[in-house]
Each structure stands twice: as C-alpha cells, then as structure tokens.
C-alpha cells in the first residue's frame, strides 16, 4: 500500500501539534534530525518497512 509513510507522518504531526503551525514545523524539523524527511514522502511514495517501524516507534514515544 503506497503512501503509508505519508499517512503516519501526518498522523504524528497532527496529533502532536493540535493545529498549531509553529509546533507542526518544529515536529517536522525533529523528524528530519532523526533521519526522516517528511517532505520526501507523498501519497504515491513506496513504503519502506524500516521507515514505517521508526515512525511507529516515534508515534508511541512521549517525546519527539
């Protein structure tokens, strides 16, 4: 299923930012620092199981 990474990234950003654009940008920056570029993935991007596992771990963490 293509686009799963994109959906996970959006889910993490939306849940942690609560609609605040400044916080959403900060979260995207933190993802980049962790080696996941959120701007690289879209609805048509192929899924990489390693990236999906990293995102699921981040999703379960309290601090990002």
Protein backbone atom coordinates (compact mmCIF):
# COMPACT_ATOMS: atom_id res chain seq x y z
CA UNK A 1 0.00 0.00 0.00
CA UNK A 2 1.71 3.16 -1.17
CA UNK A 3 1.56 6.27 0.99
CA UNK A 4 1.57 4.63 4.41
CA UNK A 5 4.66 6.62 5.46
CA UNK A 6 2.96 9.85 4.41
CA UNK A 7 -0.11 8.98 6.48
CA UNK A 8 1.98 8.09 9.55
CA UNK A 9 3.94 11.35 9.32
CA UNK A 10 0.73 13.37 9.01
CA UNK A 11 -0.78 11.49 11.94
CA UNK A 12 2.22 12.21 14.17
CA UNK A 13 2.35 15.88 13.19
CA UNK A 14 -1.40 16.42 13.63
CA UNK A 15 -1.66 14.63 16.96
CA UNK A 16 1.33 16.42 18.50
CA UNK A 17 0.73 19.91 17.12
CA UNK A 18 -3.02 20.23 17.81
CA UNK A 19 -3.33 22.52 14.79
CA UNK A 20 -0.51 24.87 15.78
CA UNK A 21 1.61 25.52 12.67
CA UNK A 22 4.70 26.53 14.62
CA UNK A 23 4.68 23.27 16.56
CA UNK A 24 3.95 21.28 13.39
CA UNK A 25 7.03 22.80 11.74
CA UNK A 26 9.09 22.01 14.83
CA UNK A 27 7.95 18.38 14.72
CA UNK A 28 8.82 18.12 11.02
CA UNK A 29 12.27 19.53 11.83
CA UNK A 30 12.73 16.96 14.58
CA UNK A 31 11.78 14.21 12.13
CA UNK A 32 14.45 15.48 9.74
CA UNK A 33 17.01 15.42 12.57
CA UNK A 34 16.04 11.80 13.23
CA UNK A 35 16.71 10.96 9.57
CA UNK A 36 13.16 11.02 8.19
CA UNK A 37 12.44 13.81 5.71
CA UNK A 38 8.65 14.36 5.80
CA UNK A 39 8.78 16.33 2.54
CA UNK A 40 10.27 13.35 0.71
CA UNK A 41 7.13 11.23 1.07
CA UNK A 42 3.72 11.72 -0.52
CA UNK A 43 0.65 9.62 -1.27
CA UNK A 44 2.44 7.83 -4.11
CA UNK A 45 5.73 7.06 -2.33
CA UNK A 46 6.70 3.43 -1.98
CA UNK A 47 6.56 2.11 1.55
CA UNK A 48 9.79 1.22 3.33
CA UNK A 49 9.25 -1.13 6.26
CA UNK A 50 12.27 0.29 8.14
CA UNK A 51 10.91 3.86 7.98
CA UNK A 52 7.44 2.64 8.96
CA UNK A 53 8.91 0.88 12.01
CA UNK A 54 10.80 4.04 13.02
CA UNK A 55 7.65 6.14 12.68
CA UNK A 56 5.59 3.69 14.72
CA UNK A 57 8.24 3.84 17.46
CA UNK A 58 8.13 7.64 17.37
CA UNK A 59 4.35 7.57 17.44
CA UNK A 60 4.43 5.60 20.69
CA UNK A 61 7.07 7.81 22.33
CA UNK A 62 6.05 10.68 24.58
CA UNK A 63 8.86 12.98 23.41
CA UNK A 64 9.71 13.52 19.79
